[in-house]
């Protein structure tokens, strides 16, 4: 087994260097291609004012991981694994009440609201660590998520809002103040409603509106737009060289134990034992130490290890 690890890791390191060299020679061509695509799509980009998107599906798994919840929406192949923090806003569409993340159960149908710029891994299933809000669906009520213009009409021109005194309105910051129709204009929003008129666009008096002021998040957190962009790019970069330990355990059948004091995870399967410590480039397999360029990372309460190590574990 030690020879297998040594030969595999040596080949992997050489391959990684080759890929890096090839990438550097094609950077200019890729950048030119991106610029051309951006110029071609300029009109479309201007027209799309919304900063949010929605992923919908049925909950197939719920796991407690450290101080968060791992919720799989859809299948392990085509679904998305959401790492949800306890303070995430979860709304019961039926009752218009807020729920605790721990109340989400297998079989529930969810609509997960995301910022369009939220990084997501390319693994199977994809992993997402940031959510704007989670909606527990209802068969009796409808939901519209997106941008509403000066006339409170959505971008698709399919729904117009008529705000009345009994419409519940709040923002995504939980501020306690009185909101009205003016606060919703030219903003993204989560809208819950029942009936509509048969006009074009259809009109409704919503029961609930949550205003999503996503454009100002960077400023409110003391970060510039460039800093937020760099942070998102850094999170996305993990996808290229890493895989989450939880996914490895599920896929390859390893048992995982976590030591919070030493920040070390131990993966065990039959006679193979791998120890991984956050921030360390040394991976210990059956008491033999192997050094890999990609140190183990703890990001958004999820531990990631080098894909080279994962491939060796799969052998």
C-alpha atoms as a PDB file:
ATOM      1  CA  UNK A   1       0.000   0.000   0.000  1.00  0.00           C
ATOM      2  CA  UNK A   2       2.898   2.384   0.765  1.00  0.00           C
ATOM      3  CA  UNK A   3       4.375   1.823  -2.717  1.00  0.00           C
ATOM      4  CA  UNK A   4       0.974   2.587  -4.195  1.00  0.00           C
ATOM      5  CA  UNK A   5       0.805   5.902  -2.327  1.00  0.00           C
ATOM      6  CA  UNK A   6       4.392   6.880  -3.203  1.00  0.00           C
ATOM      7  CA  UNK A   7       4.055   6.147  -6.925  1.00  0.00           C
ATOM      8  CA  UNK A   8       0.622   7.727  -7.142  1.00  0.00           C
ATOM      9  CA  UNK A   9       1.657  10.928  -5.403  1.00  0.00           C
ATOM     10  CA  UNK A  10       4.825  11.322  -7.481  1.00  0.00           C
ATOM     11  CA  UNK A  11       2.857  10.937 -10.692  1.00  0.00           C
ATOM     12  CA  UNK A  12       0.211  13.339  -9.389  1.00  0.00           C
ATOM     13  CA  UNK A  13       2.748  16.046  -8.542  1.00  0.00           C
ATOM     14  CA  UNK A  14       4.359  15.819 -11.999  1.00  0.00           C
ATOM     15  CA  UNK A  15       0.897  15.939 -13.611  1.00  0.00           C
ATOM     16  CA  UNK A  16      -0.029  18.979 -11.549  1.00  0.00           C
ATOM     17  CA  UNK A  17       3.103  20.814 -12.703  1.00  0.00           C
ATOM     18  CA  UNK A  18       2.330  19.958 -16.340  1.00  0.00           C
ATOM     19  CA  UNK A  19      -1.226  21.239 -16.035  1.00  0.00           C
ATOM     20  CA  UNK A  20       0.035  24.496 -14.511  1.00  0.00           C
ATOM     21  CA  UNK A  21       2.475  25.027 -17.377  1.00  0.00           C
ATOM     22  CA  UNK A  22      -0.218  24.357 -19.985  1.00  0.00           C
ATOM     23  CA  UNK A  23      -2.615  26.732 -18.217  1.00  0.00           C
ATOM     24  CA  UNK A  24      -0.082  29.593 -18.296  1.00  0.00           C
ATOM     25  CA  UNK A  25       0.384  29.291 -22.073  1.00  0.00           C
ATOM     26  CA  UNK A  26      -3.335  29.492 -22.768  1.00  0.00           C
ATOM     27  CA  UNK A  27      -4.226  32.329 -20.349  1.00  0.00           C
ATOM     28  CA  UNK A  28      -4.032  35.065 -22.979  1.00  0.00           C
ATOM     29  CA  UNK A  29      -6.265  33.171 -25.400  1.00  0.00           C
ATOM     30  CA  UNK A  30      -8.806  32.430 -22.678  1.00  0.00           C
ATOM     31  CA  UNK A  31      -8.885  36.059 -21.511  1.00  0.00           C
ATOM     32  CA  UNK A  32      -9.461  37.243 -25.087  1.00  0.00           C
ATOM     33  CA  UNK A  33     -12.288  34.747 -25.473  1.00  0.00           C
ATOM     34  CA  UNK A  34     -13.915  35.910 -22.237  1.00  0.00           C
ATOM     35  CA  UNK A  35     -13.716  39.560 -23.335  1.00  0.00           C
ATOM     36  CA  UNK A  36     -15.390  38.739 -26.657  1.00  0.00           C
ATOM     37  CA  UNK A  37     -18.155  36.815 -24.885  1.00  0.00           C
ATOM     38  CA  UNK A  38     -18.712  39.671 -22.452  1.00  0.00           C
ATOM     39  CA  UNK A  39     -18.996  42.180 -25.301  1.00  0.00           C
ATOM     40  CA  UNK A  40     -21.503  39.955 -27.095  1.00  0.00           C
ATOM     41  CA  UNK A  41     -23.636  39.618 -23.955  1.00  0.00           C
ATOM     42  CA  UNK A  42     -23.524  43.273 -22.883  1.00  0.00           C
ATOM     43  CA  UNK A  43     -27.166  44.003 -23.687  1.00  0.00           C
ATOM     44  CA  UNK A  44     -28.419  40.893 -21.925  1.00  0.00           C
ATOM     45  CA  UNK A  45     -26.353  41.651 -18.801  1.00  0.00           C
ATOM     46  CA  UNK A  46     -27.779  45.164 -18.518  1.00  0.00           C
ATOM     47  CA  UNK A  47     -31.338  43.850 -18.761  1.00  0.00           C
ATOM     48  CA  UNK A  48     -30.859  41.286 -15.980  1.00  0.00           C
ATOM     49  CA  UNK A  49     -31.129  43.359 -12.811  1.00  0.00           C
ATOM     50  CA  UNK A  50     -31.742  40.510 -10.362  1.00  0.00           C
ATOM     51  CA  UNK A  51     -28.902  39.362  -8.115  1.00  0.00           C
ATOM     52  CA  UNK A  52     -30.608  36.158  -6.981  1.00  0.00           C
ATOM     53  CA  UNK A  53     -31.426  32.692  -8.253  1.00  0.00           C
ATOM     54  CA  UNK A  54     -33.371  29.769  -6.798  1.00  0.00           C
ATOM     55  CA  UNK A  55     -32.595  26.047  -6.525  1.00  0.00           C
ATOM     56  CA  UNK A  56     -35.619  23.869  -5.778  1.00  0.00           C
ATOM     57  CA  UNK A  57     -36.039  20.232  -4.821  1.00  0.00           C
ATOM     58  CA  UNK A  58     -36.887  17.648  -2.186  1.00  0.00           C
ATOM     59  CA  UNK A  59     -34.668  17.065   0.830  1.00  0.00           C
ATOM     60  CA  UNK A  60     -33.045  13.623   0.621  1.00  0.00           C
ATOM     61  CA  UNK A  61     -30.513  13.884   3.484  1.00  0.00           C
ATOM     62  CA  UNK A  62     -30.015  15.969   6.626  1.00  0.00           C
ATOM     63  CA  UNK A  63     -26.828  15.669   8.706  1.00  0.00           C
ATOM     64  CA  UNK A  64     -25.514  17.691  11.660  1.00  0.00           C
ATOM     65  CA  UNK A  65     -21.888  18.662  10.994  1.00  0.00           C
ATOM     66  CA  UNK A  66     -20.072  20.563  13.743  1.00  0.00           C
ATOM     67  CA  UNK A  67     -21.954  23.885  14.110  1.00  0.00           C
ATOM     68  CA  UNK A  68     -23.924  23.638  10.843  1.00  0.00           C
ATOM     69  CA  UNK A  69     -26.361  21.380   8.973  1.00  0.00           C
ATOM     70  CA  UNK A  70     -25.592  19.521   5.757  1.00  0.00           C
ATOM     71  CA  UNK A  71     -28.755  19.343   3.667  1.00  0.00           C
ATOM     72  CA  UNK A  72     -28.870  17.449   0.381  1.00  0.00           C
ATOM     73  CA  UNK A  73     -31.586  18.720  -1.974  1.00  0.00           C
ATOM     74  CA  UNK A  74     -32.165  16.277  -4.813  1.00  0.00           C
ATOM     75  CA  UNK A  75     -30.064  13.212  -5.608  1.00  0.00           C
ATOM     76  CA  UNK A  76     -26.379  12.607  -4.837  1.00  0.00           C
ATOM     77  CA  UNK A  77     -25.600  12.959  -8.532  1.00  0.00           C
ATOM     78  CA  UNK A  78     -27.770  15.826  -9.761  1.00  0.00           C
ATOM     79  CA  UNK A  79     -28.655  17.528  -6.467  1.00  0.00           C
ATOM     80  CA  UNK A  80     -26.933  20.150  -4.327  1.00  0.00           C
ATOM     81  CA  UNK A  81     -25.467  19.722  -0.848  1.00  0.00           C
ATOM     82  CA  UNK A  82     -26.070  22.884   1.182  1.00  0.00           C
ATOM     83  CA  UNK A  83     -23.996  23.630   4.284  1.00  0.00           C
ATOM     84  CA  UNK A  84     -26.495  25.687   6.278  1.00  0.00           C
ATOM     85  CA  UNK A  85     -25.590  27.808   9.303  1.00  0.00           C
ATOM     86  CA  UNK A  86     -27.995  27.970  12.273  1.00  0.00           C
ATOM     87  CA  UNK A  87     -28.662  31.687  11.699  1.00  0.00           C
ATOM     88  CA  UNK A  88     -29.880  31.154   8.116  1.00  0.00           C
ATOM     89  CA  UNK A  89     -33.428  32.468   7.618  1.00  0.00           C
ATOM     90  CA  UNK A  90     -35.800  29.558   7.003  1.00  0.00           C
ATOM     91  CA  UNK A  91     -39.375  30.541   6.121  1.00  0.00           C
ATOM     92  CA  UNK A  92     -42.396  28.253   6.229  1.00  0.00           C
ATOM     93  CA  UNK A  93     -44.377  29.412   3.186  1.00  0.00           C
ATOM     94  CA  UNK A  94     -47.601  27.869   4.524  1.00  0.00           C
ATOM     95  CA  UNK A  95     -47.600  29.603   7.931  1.00  0.00           C
ATOM     96  CA  UNK A  96     -45.344  32.602   7.110  1.00  0.00           C
ATOM     97  CA  UNK A  97     -43.411  31.722  10.256  1.00  0.00           C
ATOM     98  CA  UNK A  98     -39.645  31.461  10.632  1.00  0.00           C
ATOM     99  CA  UNK A  99     -38.256  28.013  11.399  1.00  0.00           C
ATOM    100  CA  UNK A 100     -35.038  26.732  12.919  1.00  0.00           C
ATOM    101  CA  UNK A 101     -32.671  24.971  10.513  1.00  0.00           C
ATOM    102  CA  UNK A 102     -32.923  21.853  12.699  1.00  0.00           C
ATOM    103  CA  UNK A 103     -36.630  21.592  11.753  1.00  0.00           C
ATOM    104  CA  UNK A 104     -35.812  20.809   8.112  1.00  0.00           C
ATOM    105  CA  UNK A 105     -36.540  17.114   7.509  1.00  0.00           C
ATOM    106  CA  UNK A 106     -36.130  14.555   4.739  1.00  0.00           C
ATOM    107  CA  UNK A 107     -39.043  14.748   2.295  1.00  0.00           C
ATOM    108  CA  UNK A 108     -39.639  18.482   2.637  1.00  0.00           C
ATOM    109  CA  UNK A 109     -39.658  20.489  -0.598  1.00  0.00           C
ATOM    110  CA  UNK A 110     -37.385  23.534  -0.447  1.00  0.00           C
ATOM    111  CA  UNK A 111     -36.669  26.596  -2.516  1.00  0.00           C
ATOM    112  CA  UNK A 112     -33.150  27.781  -1.674  1.00  0.00           C
ATOM    113  CA  UNK A 113     -32.516  31.431  -2.526  1.00  0.00           C
ATOM    114  CA  UNK A 114     -28.920  32.181  -3.541  1.00  0.00           C
ATOM    115  CA  UNK A 115     -26.900  35.199  -4.548  1.00  0.00           C
ATOM    116  CA  UNK A 116     -26.007  34.686  -8.242  1.00  0.00           C
ATOM    117  CA  UNK A 117     -22.319  35.143  -7.353  1.00  0.00           C
ATOM    118  CA  UNK A 118     -22.336  32.412  -4.703  1.00  0.00           C
ATOM    119  CA  UNK A 119     -19.474  29.948  -5.418  1.00  0.00           C
ATOM    120  CA  UNK A 120     -20.433  26.291  -5.829  1.00  0.00           C
ATOM    121  CA  UNK A 121     -18.218  23.246  -6.257  1.00  0.00           C
ATOM    122  CA  UNK A 122     -18.243  21.123  -9.404  1.00  0.00           C
ATOM    123  CA  UNK A 123     -18.322  17.900  -7.393  1.00  0.00           C
ATOM    124  CA  UNK A 124     -21.177  15.375  -7.438  1.00  0.00           C
ATOM    125  CA  UNK A 125     -23.296  16.555  -5.803  1.00  0.00           C
ATOM    126  CA  UNK A 126     -22.364  20.243  -5.948  1.00  0.00           C
ATOM    127  CA  UNK A 127     -21.649  21.873  -2.574  1.00  0.00           C
ATOM    128  CA  UNK A 128     -22.890  25.345  -1.606  1.00  0.00           C
ATOM    129  CA  UNK A 129     -21.953  27.037   1.674  1.00  0.00           C
ATOM    130  CA  UNK A 130     -23.868  30.329   1.420  1.00  0.00           C
ATOM    131  CA  UNK A 131     -27.618  30.931   1.184  1.00  0.00           C
ATOM    132  CA  UNK A 132     -29.731  34.085   1.282  1.00  0.00           C
ATOM    133  CA  UNK A 133     -32.803  32.263   2.632  1.00  0.00           C
ATOM    134  CA  UNK A 134     -34.519  28.873   2.543  1.00  0.00           C
ATOM    135  CA  UNK A 135     -38.229  28.491   1.838  1.00  0.00           C
ATOM    136  CA  UNK A 136     -40.194  25.410   2.885  1.00  0.00           C
ATOM    137  CA  UNK A 137     -42.682  25.045   0.021  1.00  0.00           C
ATOM    138  CA  UNK A 138     -46.475  24.923   0.276  1.00  0.00           C
ATOM    139  CA  UNK A 139     -48.982  23.491  -2.198  1.00  0.00           C
ATOM    140  CA  UNK A 140     -51.475  26.214  -1.281  1.00  0.00           C
ATOM    141  CA  UNK A 141     -49.258  29.253  -1.832  1.00  0.00           C
ATOM    142  CA  UNK A 142     -46.960  30.545  -4.543  1.00  0.00           C
ATOM    143  CA  UNK A 143     -43.520  32.129  -4.367  1.00  0.00           C
ATOM    144  CA  UNK A 144     -41.820  34.632  -6.670  1.00  0.00           C
ATOM    145  CA  UNK A 145     -38.162  35.520  -6.110  1.00  0.00           C
ATOM    146  CA  UNK A 146     -36.415  38.209  -8.125  1.00  0.00           C
ATOM    147  CA  UNK A 147     -36.215  41.859  -9.104  1.00  0.00           C
ATOM    148  CA  UNK A 148     -39.213  44.232  -9.021  1.00  0.00           C
ATOM    149  CA  UNK A 149     -39.015  47.527 -10.897  1.00  0.00           C
ATOM    150  CA  UNK A 150     -40.385  51.011 -10.211  1.00  0.00           C
ATOM    151  CA  UNK A 151     -43.901  49.762 -10.940  1.00  0.00           C
ATOM    152  CA  UNK A 152     -43.411  46.644  -8.773  1.00  0.00           C
ATOM    153  CA  UNK A 153     -43.410  44.371 -11.830  1.00  0.00           C
ATOM    154  CA  UNK A 154     -40.988  41.463 -12.024  1.00  0.00           C
ATOM    155  CA  UNK A 155     -38.396  41.105 -14.787  1.00  0.00           C
ATOM    156  CA  UNK A 156     -40.399  38.501 -16.704  1.00  0.00           C
ATOM    157  CA  UNK A 157     -43.385  40.878 -16.754  1.00  0.00           C
ATOM    158  CA  UNK A 158     -45.573  38.122 -15.323  1.00  0.00           C
ATOM    159  CA  UNK A 159     -46.394  39.526 -11.867  1.00  0.00           C
ATOM    160  CA  UNK A 160     -47.281  42.957 -10.482  1.00  0.00           C
ATOM    161  CA  UNK A 161     -47.500  43.604  -6.740  1.00  0.00           C
ATOM    162  CA  UNK A 162     -50.298  45.600  -5.132  1.00  0.00           C
ATOM    163  CA  UNK A 163     -49.137  46.372  -1.594  1.00  0.00           C
ATOM    164  CA  UNK A 164     -51.804  46.894   1.063  1.00  0.00           C
ATOM    165  CA  UNK A 165     -51.730  47.637   4.795  1.00  0.00           C
ATOM    166  CA  UNK A 166     -51.992  43.998   5.826  1.00  0.00           C
ATOM    167  CA  UNK A 167     -49.027  42.875   3.650  1.00  0.00           C
ATOM    168  CA  UNK A 168     -46.193  41.695   5.888  1.00  0.00           C
ATOM    169  CA  UNK A 169     -42.969  43.405   4.733  1.00  0.00           C
ATOM    170  CA  UNK A 170     -39.487  43.062   6.187  1.00  0.00           C
ATOM    171  CA  UNK A 171     -35.906  43.087   4.968  1.00  0.00           C
ATOM    172  CA  UNK A 172     -33.228  40.413   5.059  1.00  0.00           C
ATOM    173  CA  UNK A 173     -31.373  42.191   7.884  1.00  0.00           C
ATOM    174  CA  UNK A 174     -34.204  41.695  10.375  1.00  0.00           C
ATOM    175  CA  UNK A 175     -34.621  45.440  10.973  1.00  0.00           C
ATOM    176  CA  UNK A 176     -37.671  46.430  12.997  1.00  0.00           C
ATOM    177  CA  UNK A 177     -39.231  49.348  11.164  1.00  0.00           C
ATOM    178  CA  UNK A 178     -42.229  50.034   8.959  1.00  0.00           C
ATOM    179  CA  UNK A 179     -41.713  49.207   5.277  1.00  0.00           C
ATOM    180  CA  UNK A 180     -43.959  50.161   2.387  1.00  0.00           C
ATOM    181  CA  UNK A 181     -44.160  49.763  -1.405  1.00  0.00           C
ATOM    182  CA  UNK A 182     -41.430  52.365  -1.964  1.00  0.00           C
ATOM    183  CA  UNK A 183     -38.934  50.157  -0.118  1.00  0.00           C
ATOM    184  CA  UNK A 184     -39.577  47.250  -2.505  1.00  0.00           C
ATOM    185  CA  UNK A 185     -39.131  49.207  -5.752  1.00  0.00           C
ATOM    186  CA  UNK A 186     -35.984  48.428  -7.769  1.00  0.00           C
ATOM    187  CA  UNK A 187     -34.972  45.672  -5.366  1.00  0.00           C
ATOM    188  CA  UNK A 188     -34.787  41.893  -5.279  1.00  0.00           C
ATOM    189  CA  UNK A 189     -37.467  40.370  -3.073  1.00  0.00           C
ATOM    190  CA  UNK A 190     -39.038  37.129  -1.887  1.00  0.00           C
ATOM    191  CA  UNK A 191     -42.809  37.339  -2.428  1.00  0.00           C
ATOM    192  CA  UNK A 192     -45.385  34.877  -1.064  1.00  0.00           C
ATOM    193  CA  UNK A 193     -48.934  35.088  -2.422  1.00  0.00           C
ATOM    194  CA  UNK A 194     -52.048  33.037  -3.188  1.00  0.00           C
ATOM    195  CA  UNK A 195     -54.382  34.356  -5.900  1.00  0.00           C
ATOM    196  CA  UNK A 196     -53.751  36.589  -8.917  1.00  0.00           C
ATOM    197  CA  UNK A 197     -55.809  38.343 -11.556  1.00  0.00           C
ATOM    198  CA  UNK A 198     -55.907  37.022 -15.130  1.00  0.00           C
ATOM    199  CA  UNK A 199     -54.404  40.202 -16.533  1.00  0.00           C
ATOM    200  CA  UNK A 200     -50.989  40.631 -18.208  1.00  0.00           C
ATOM    201  CA  UNK A 201     -49.041  40.898 -16.061  1.00  0.00           C
ATOM    202  CA  UNK A 202     -51.011  39.054 -13.420  1.00  0.00           C
ATOM    203  CA  UNK A 203     -51.594  41.153 -10.292  1.00  0.00           C
ATOM    204  CA  UNK A 204     -51.564  40.032  -6.679  1.00  0.00           C
ATOM    205  CA  UNK A 205     -51.753  41.429  -3.184  1.00  0.00           C
ATOM    206  CA  UNK A 206     -48.960  39.453  -1.500  1.00  0.00           C
ATOM    207  CA  UNK A 207     -49.196  38.119   2.025  1.00  0.00           C
ATOM    208  CA  UNK A 208     -45.456  38.428   2.682  1.00  0.00           C
ATOM    209  CA  UNK A 209     -42.498  40.287   1.153  1.00  0.00           C
ATOM    210  CA  UNK A 210     -38.852  40.053   2.179  1.00  0.00           C
ATOM    211  CA  UNK A 211     -36.681  42.776   0.632  1.00  0.00           C
ATOM    212  CA  UNK A 212     -33.225  41.537  -0.405  1.00  0.00           C
ATOM    213  CA  UNK A 213     -30.666  44.323  -0.441  1.00  0.00           C
ATOM    214  CA  UNK A 214     -27.789  42.152  -1.706  1.00  0.00           C
ATOM    215  CA  UNK A 215     -25.897  44.947  -3.484  1.00  0.00           C
ATOM    216  CA  UNK A 216     -25.065  46.620  -0.186  1.00  0.00           C
ATOM    217  CA  UNK A 217     -23.795  43.549   1.655  1.00  0.00           C
ATOM    218  CA  UNK A 218     -20.119  44.251   0.898  1.00  0.00           C
ATOM    219  CA  UNK A 219     -20.319  47.802   2.242  1.00  0.00           C
ATOM    220  CA  UNK A 220     -22.200  46.794   5.354  1.00  0.00           C
ATOM    221  CA  UNK A 221     -19.592  44.174   6.183  1.00  0.00           C
ATOM    222  CA  UNK A 222     -16.748  46.651   5.711  1.00  0.00           C
ATOM    223  CA  UNK A 223     -15.525  45.045   2.488  1.00  0.00           C
ATOM    224  CA  UNK A 224     -15.024  46.571  -0.921  1.00  0.00           C
ATOM    225  CA  UNK A 225     -16.521  44.979  -4.028  1.00  0.00           C
ATOM    226  CA  UNK A 226     -13.062  43.787  -5.083  1.00  0.00           C
ATOM    227  CA  UNK A 227     -12.476  42.171  -1.690  1.00  0.00           C
ATOM    228  CA  UNK A 228     -15.770  40.309  -1.915  1.00  0.00           C
ATOM    229  CA  UNK A 229     -14.917  39.188  -5.459  1.00  0.00           C
ATOM    230  CA  UNK A 230     -11.457  37.957  -4.380  1.00  0.00           C
ATOM    231  CA  UNK A 231     -12.990  36.063  -1.461  1.00  0.00           C
ATOM    232  CA  UNK A 232     -15.507  34.365  -3.762  1.00  0.00           C
ATOM    233  CA  UNK A 233     -12.755  33.441  -6.238  1.00  0.00           C
ATOM    234  CA  UNK A 234     -10.677  31.950  -3.416  1.00  0.00           C
ATOM    235  CA  UNK A 235     -13.618  29.782  -2.332  1.00  0.00           C
ATOM    236  CA  UNK A 236     -14.242  28.637  -5.884  1.00  0.00           C
ATOM    237  CA  UNK A 237     -10.556  27.762  -6.338  1.00  0.00           C
ATOM    238  CA  UNK A 238     -10.923  25.019  -3.728  1.00  0.00           C
ATOM    239  CA  UNK A 239     -12.981  23.059  -6.245  1.00  0.00           C
ATOM    240  CA  UNK A 240     -10.019  22.475  -8.569  1.00  0.00           C
ATOM    241  CA  UNK A 241      -7.769  20.639  -6.120  1.00  0.00           C
ATOM    242  CA  UNK A 242      -9.931  19.558  -3.180  1.00  0.00           C
ATOM    243  CA  UNK A 243     -12.882  17.431  -2.141  1.00  0.00           C
ATOM    244  CA  UNK A 244     -14.831  17.547   1.126  1.00  0.00           C
ATOM    245  CA  UNK A 245     -14.106  14.837   3.684  1.00  0.00           C
ATOM    246  CA  UNK A 246     -17.824  14.254   4.173  1.00  0.00           C
ATOM    247  CA  UNK A 247     -18.268  13.554   0.470  1.00  0.00           C
ATOM    248  CA  UNK A 248     -15.253  11.223   0.489  1.00  0.00           C
ATOM    249  CA  UNK A 249     -16.742   9.303   3.414  1.00  0.00           C
ATOM    250  CA  UNK A 250     -20.142   8.987   1.727  1.00  0.00           C
ATOM    251  CA  UNK A 251     -18.678   7.928  -1.621  1.00  0.00           C
ATOM    252  CA  UNK A 252     -15.891   5.579  -0.520  1.00  0.00           C
ATOM    253  CA  UNK A 253     -17.407   4.187   2.674  1.00  0.00           C
ATOM    254  CA  UNK A 254     -14.990   5.656   5.235  1.00  0.00           C
ATOM    255  CA  UNK A 255     -15.944   6.383   8.837  1.00  0.00           C
ATOM    256  CA  UNK A 256     -14.958   9.886   9.951  1.00  0.00           C
ATOM    257  CA  UNK A 257     -14.100  11.073  13.468  1.00  0.00           C
ATOM    258  CA  UNK A 258     -13.330  14.724  14.233  1.00  0.00           C
ATOM    259  CA  UNK A 259     -11.093  16.055  17.027  1.00  0.00           C
ATOM    260  CA  UNK A 260     -12.061  19.696  17.539  1.00  0.00           C
ATOM    261  CA  UNK A 261      -9.066  20.473  19.786  1.00  0.00           C
ATOM    262  CA  UNK A 262      -6.422  19.384  17.291  1.00  0.00           C
ATOM    263  CA  UNK A 263      -8.587  20.127  14.218  1.00  0.00           C
ATOM    264  CA  UNK A 264      -7.840  16.610  12.974  1.00  0.00           C
ATOM    265  CA  UNK A 265     -10.088  14.229  11.061  1.00  0.00           C
ATOM    266  CA  UNK A 266      -9.489  10.475  11.079  1.00  0.00           C
ATOM    267  CA  UNK A 267     -10.864   8.443   8.169  1.00  0.00           C
ATOM    268  CA  UNK A 268     -11.091   4.688   8.774  1.00  0.00           C
ATOM    269  CA  UNK A 269     -12.027   1.812   6.471  1.00  0.00           C
ATOM    270  CA  UNK A 270     -11.008  -1.767   7.297  1.00  0.00           C
ATOM    271  CA  UNK A 271      -7.203  -1.706   7.730  1.00  0.00           C
ATOM    272  CA  UNK A 272      -6.647   1.773   6.247  1.00  0.00           C
ATOM    273  CA  UNK A 273      -6.476   4.803   8.556  1.00  0.00           C
ATOM    274  CA  UNK A 274      -5.853   8.345   7.294  1.00  0.00           C
ATOM    275  CA  UNK A 275      -5.285  11.327   9.597  1.00  0.00           C
ATOM    276  CA  UNK A 276      -5.737  14.842   8.240  1.00  0.00           C
ATOM    277  CA  UNK A 277      -5.081  18.061  10.169  1.00  0.00           C
ATOM    278  CA  UNK A 278      -6.336  21.483   9.114  1.00  0.00           C
ATOM    279  CA  UNK A 279      -3.562  23.602   7.597  1.00  0.00           C
ATOM    280  CA  UNK A 280      -1.112  20.703   7.363  1.00  0.00           C
ATOM    281  CA  UNK A 281       0.406  19.413   4.130  1.00  0.00           C
ATOM    282  CA  UNK A 282       1.272  16.128   5.817  1.00  0.00           C
ATOM    283  CA  UNK A 283      -1.265  13.334   5.445  1.00  0.00           C
ATOM    284  CA  UNK A 284      -0.654  10.349   7.730  1.00  0.00           C
ATOM    285  CA  UNK A 285      -1.778   7.003   6.302  1.00  0.00           C
ATOM    286  CA  UNK A 286      -1.220   3.940   8.522  1.00  0.00           C
ATOM    287  CA  UNK A 287       1.472   5.862  10.448  1.00  0.00           C
ATOM    288  CA  UNK A 288       3.361   6.700   7.233  1.00  0.00           C
ATOM    289  CA  UNK A 289       3.708  10.443   6.499  1.00  0.00           C
ATOM    290  CA  UNK A 290       3.077  11.766   2.979  1.00  0.00           C
ATOM    291  CA  UNK A 291       3.573  15.440   2.100  1.00  0.00           C
ATOM    292  CA  UNK A 292       1.261  17.002  -0.505  1.00  0.00           C
ATOM    293  CA  UNK A 293       1.370  20.560  -1.842  1.00  0.00           C
ATOM    294  CA  UNK A 294      -2.311  21.175  -1.008  1.00  0.00           C
ATOM    295  CA  UNK A 295      -2.747  21.481   2.752  1.00  0.00           C
ATOM    296  CA  UNK A 296      -6.065  20.403   4.247  1.00  0.00           C
ATOM    297  CA  UNK A 297      -8.510  23.335   4.447  1.00  0.00           C
ATOM    298  CA  UNK A 298     -11.407  24.126   6.770  1.00  0.00           C
ATOM    299  CA  UNK A 299     -13.801  26.411   4.919  1.00  0.00           C
ATOM    300  CA  UNK A 300     -17.306  27.342   6.053  1.00  0.00           C
ATOM    301  CA  UNK A 301     -17.295  24.469   8.588  1.00  0.00           C
ATOM    302  CA  UNK A 302     -16.361  21.935   5.897  1.00  0.00           C
ATOM    303  CA  UNK A 303     -13.013  20.099   5.800  1.00  0.00           C
ATOM    304  CA  UNK A 304     -11.448  19.691   2.362  1.00  0.00           C
ATOM    305  CA  UNK A 305      -8.531  17.418   1.407  1.00  0.00           C
ATOM    306  CA  UNK A 306      -6.417  17.118  -1.736  1.00  0.00           C
ATOM    307  CA  UNK A 307      -8.036  15.225  -4.612  1.00  0.00           C
ATOM    308  CA  UNK A 308      -4.710  13.417  -5.051  1.00  0.00           C
ATOM    309  CA  UNK A 309      -5.213  11.897  -1.604  1.00  0.00           C
ATOM    310  CA  UNK A 310      -8.812  11.035  -2.442  1.00  0.00           C
ATOM    311  CA  UNK A 311      -7.677   9.195  -5.563  1.00  0.00           C
ATOM    312  CA  UNK A 312      -5.167   7.204  -3.514  1.00  0.00           C
ATOM    313  CA  UNK A 313      -7.868   6.279  -1.001  1.00  0.00           C
ATOM    314  CA  UNK A 314     -10.051   5.021  -3.845  1.00  0.00           C
ATOM    315  CA  UNK A 315      -7.390   2.611  -5.097  1.00  0.00           C
END
